[in-house]
Every structure is written in C-alpha cells, then in structure tokens.
C-alpha cells in the first residue's frame, strides 16, 4: 500500500494545520506602540518570546505532526488505547484554549497593555483546524 493511499483528507487538514500552528508560535503575537506621527514606535514580540504557554502550543503541534506522519508512513498505532483521532481532537482543543487564554489575558506592564497581533490569530485558527482534522478523522474511522 502506497503512502498516498493511506493519506486521507483528515491527515491533510491536521498535518497542515499543525505545521501552521508550529510556525505561528514564532510570529508576532503582541505589539506595543506609542508616540505620534513620525515620532511613533511599535515593538512586537513573538509567542515564543512573550509567553511560556507558547512552548506548550509548540509541543502540541509537534505531537500532532508526529501522529500524522506516523500514520502516513504506516506505523501501527492501534496498540495505544486511545484512538489517534481523539488525541488530535484533544490536542487541538487544548491548544485552542491556551491561545484563547493568551488573547484574553495579554501581557502588560506599568501603564502599558500589549495589543494582539496577526500571529496569535493565526495560532488560534490553526488550533481550531487541528481539532477539526481530529473530528474528521474520527468520522472517517466510523
């Protein structure tokens, strides 16, 4: 059986979303700006630099990628008591919750609160899609 025969739509969805989630950890999650006109400034921070919770998101994306790769290359994961579709669904849900927490509770300092930037939105959407990929896989298994 060729790996293209084992590759299903849920694998594409989960794998690409997990890769985007992995990359999004290094994109700008927050920025702080100030000043007026020409004298204004803007400073940004990636998820990796701004919060320790992004390390968990990074590890979740690595695990999700590993699950998809192992499944595509034909490794038998049936010895694990929990179906991999449920694991992917849970990983996507956990990372969505973590990113949502970081959207609501932003870093702040003395008189300054960071604004969210594009990277955290990408991470939030990619987390949701990882969970959707797990749900699709669960549906394919039934």
Protein backbone atom coordinates (compact mmCIF):
# COMPACT_ATOMS: atom_id res chain seq x y z
CA UNK A 1 0.00 0.00 0.00
CA UNK A 2 1.45 3.32 -1.10
CA UNK A 3 1.55 6.24 1.34
CA UNK A 4 -0.72 8.21 -1.00
CA UNK A 5 -3.39 5.57 -0.42
CA UNK A 6 -3.06 6.00 3.35
CA UNK A 7 -3.19 9.79 3.18
CA UNK A 8 -6.76 10.92 3.79
CA UNK A 9 -8.38 14.34 3.89
CA UNK A 10 -8.19 14.43 7.69
CA UNK A 11 -4.43 13.87 7.51
CA UNK A 12 -4.04 16.82 5.16
CA UNK A 13 -6.18 19.04 7.39
CA UNK A 14 -4.49 18.04 10.66
CA UNK A 15 -0.97 17.97 9.25
CA UNK A 16 -1.06 21.34 7.51
CA UNK A 17 -2.86 22.99 10.44
CA UNK A 18 -0.31 21.58 12.90
CA UNK A 19 2.53 22.88 10.72
CA UNK A 20 0.92 26.33 10.56
CA UNK A 21 0.44 26.20 14.35
CA UNK A 22 4.12 25.34 14.78
CA UNK A 23 5.19 28.29 12.61
CA UNK A 24 2.72 30.68 14.25
CA UNK A 25 4.49 30.34 17.60
CA UNK A 26 7.38 32.31 16.06
CA UNK A 27 5.18 35.00 14.50
CA UNK A 28 4.32 38.29 16.22
CA UNK A 29 1.61 37.68 18.85
CA UNK A 30 1.68 41.05 20.58
CA UNK A 31 2.77 44.59 19.90
CA UNK A 32 3.04 47.80 21.86
CA UNK A 33 3.07 51.17 20.16
CA UNK A 34 3.19 54.78 21.17
CA UNK A 35 4.11 58.27 20.16
CA UNK A 36 2.68 60.45 17.42
CA UNK A 37 3.24 60.58 13.66
CA UNK A 38 6.89 60.42 12.68
CA UNK A 39 7.98 60.00 16.27
CA UNK A 40 5.84 56.93 16.89
CA UNK A 41 7.19 53.48 17.63
CA UNK A 42 5.96 49.91 17.58
CA UNK A 43 7.58 46.97 19.32
CA UNK A 44 6.40 43.40 18.72
CA UNK A 45 7.01 40.07 20.40
CA UNK A 46 6.52 36.56 19.10
CA UNK A 47 4.56 33.98 21.02
CA UNK A 48 7.82 32.25 21.87
CA UNK A 49 9.23 35.45 23.41
CA UNK A 50 6.06 36.76 25.03
CA UNK A 51 4.67 33.79 26.94
CA UNK A 52 5.75 30.45 28.32
CA UNK A 53 2.43 28.89 27.32
CA UNK A 54 3.54 29.08 23.70
CA UNK A 55 6.03 26.30 24.46
CA UNK A 56 3.06 24.03 25.20
CA UNK A 57 1.44 25.08 21.91
CA UNK A 58 4.74 24.32 20.15
CA UNK A 59 4.93 20.85 21.72
CA UNK A 60 1.28 20.15 20.89
CA UNK A 61 1.92 20.99 17.25
CA UNK A 62 4.98 18.69 17.20
CA UNK A 63 2.93 15.81 18.63
CA UNK A 64 0.14 16.41 16.11
CA UNK A 65 2.64 16.43 13.23
CA UNK A 66 4.22 13.22 14.56
CA UNK A 67 0.84 11.47 14.73
CA UNK A 68 0.04 12.37 11.13
CA UNK A 69 3.50 11.39 9.87
CA UNK A 70 3.47 8.06 11.72
CA UNK A 71 0.03 7.26 10.36
CA UNK A 72 1.00 8.15 6.78
CA UNK A 73 4.20 6.08 6.82
CA UNK A 74 2.21 3.09 8.04
CA UNK A 75 3.16 2.74 11.69
CA UNK A 76 0.51 0.74 13.56
CA UNK A 77 -0.77 2.91 16.39
CA UNK A 78 -3.59 0.56 17.38
CA UNK A 79 -1.67 -0.63 20.47
CA UNK A 80 -2.34 2.77 22.04
CA UNK A 81 -5.67 2.52 23.91
CA UNK A 82 -6.95 5.91 22.74
CA UNK A 83 -7.71 6.45 19.02
CA UNK A 84 -5.39 8.97 17.40
CA UNK A 85 -8.41 10.91 16.13
CA UNK A 86 -9.42 11.59 19.73
CA UNK A 87 -5.84 12.58 20.58
CA UNK A 88 -5.77 15.05 17.67
CA UNK A 89 -9.15 16.43 18.69
CA UNK A 90 -7.94 16.87 22.28
CA UNK A 91 -4.63 18.45 21.20
CA UNK A 92 -6.48 20.93 19.01
CA UNK A 93 -8.89 21.74 21.82
CA UNK A 94 -6.13 22.25 24.39
CA UNK A 95 -4.09 24.49 22.09
CA UNK A 96 -7.23 26.48 21.19
CA UNK A 97 -7.91 27.02 24.89
CA UNK A 98 -4.31 28.07 25.58
CA UNK A 99 -4.25 30.56 22.70
CA UNK A 100 -7.67 31.92 23.69
CA UNK A 101 -6.40 32.47 27.24
CA UNK A 102 -3.44 34.42 25.83
CA UNK A 103 -5.79 36.51 23.67
CA UNK A 104 -7.95 37.44 26.66
CA UNK A 105 -5.15 37.81 29.24
CA UNK A 106 -2.49 39.78 27.38
CA UNK A 107 0.92 40.70 28.74
CA UNK A 108 1.01 44.08 30.46
CA UNK A 109 3.41 46.32 32.28
CA UNK A 110 3.26 49.58 34.16
CA UNK A 111 0.60 51.56 32.32
CA UNK A 112 1.03 49.53 29.12
CA UNK A 113 -1.05 46.68 27.78
CA UNK A 114 0.00 44.82 24.67
CA UNK A 115 -2.31 44.61 21.67
CA UNK A 116 -2.78 41.32 19.88
CA UNK A 117 -1.12 40.89 16.52
CA UNK A 118 -1.57 38.64 13.49
CA UNK A 119 0.45 35.68 14.81
CA UNK A 120 -1.87 34.88 17.69
CA UNK A 121 -4.88 34.97 15.36
CA UNK A 122 -3.11 32.52 13.03
CA UNK A 123 -2.34 30.29 16.03
CA UNK A 124 -5.96 30.43 17.19
CA UNK A 125 -7.34 29.50 13.76
CA UNK A 126 -4.72 26.75 13.23
CA UNK A 127 -5.58 25.26 16.64
CA UNK A 128 -9.24 25.10 15.70
CA UNK A 129 -8.38 23.43 12.39
CA UNK A 130 -6.23 20.80 14.15
CA UNK A 131 -9.29 19.93 16.24
CA UNK A 132 -11.44 19.85 13.09
CA UNK A 133 -8.92 17.47 11.49
CA UNK A 134 -9.24 15.18 14.52
CA UNK A 135 -13.03 15.29 14.23
CA UNK A 136 -12.80 14.45 10.52
CA UNK A 137 -10.50 11.54 11.32
CA UNK A 138 -12.95 10.32 13.96
CA UNK A 139 -15.73 10.46 11.39
CA UNK A 140 -13.60 8.56 8.82
CA UNK A 141 -12.91 5.80 11.37
CA UNK A 142 -16.61 5.14 12.00
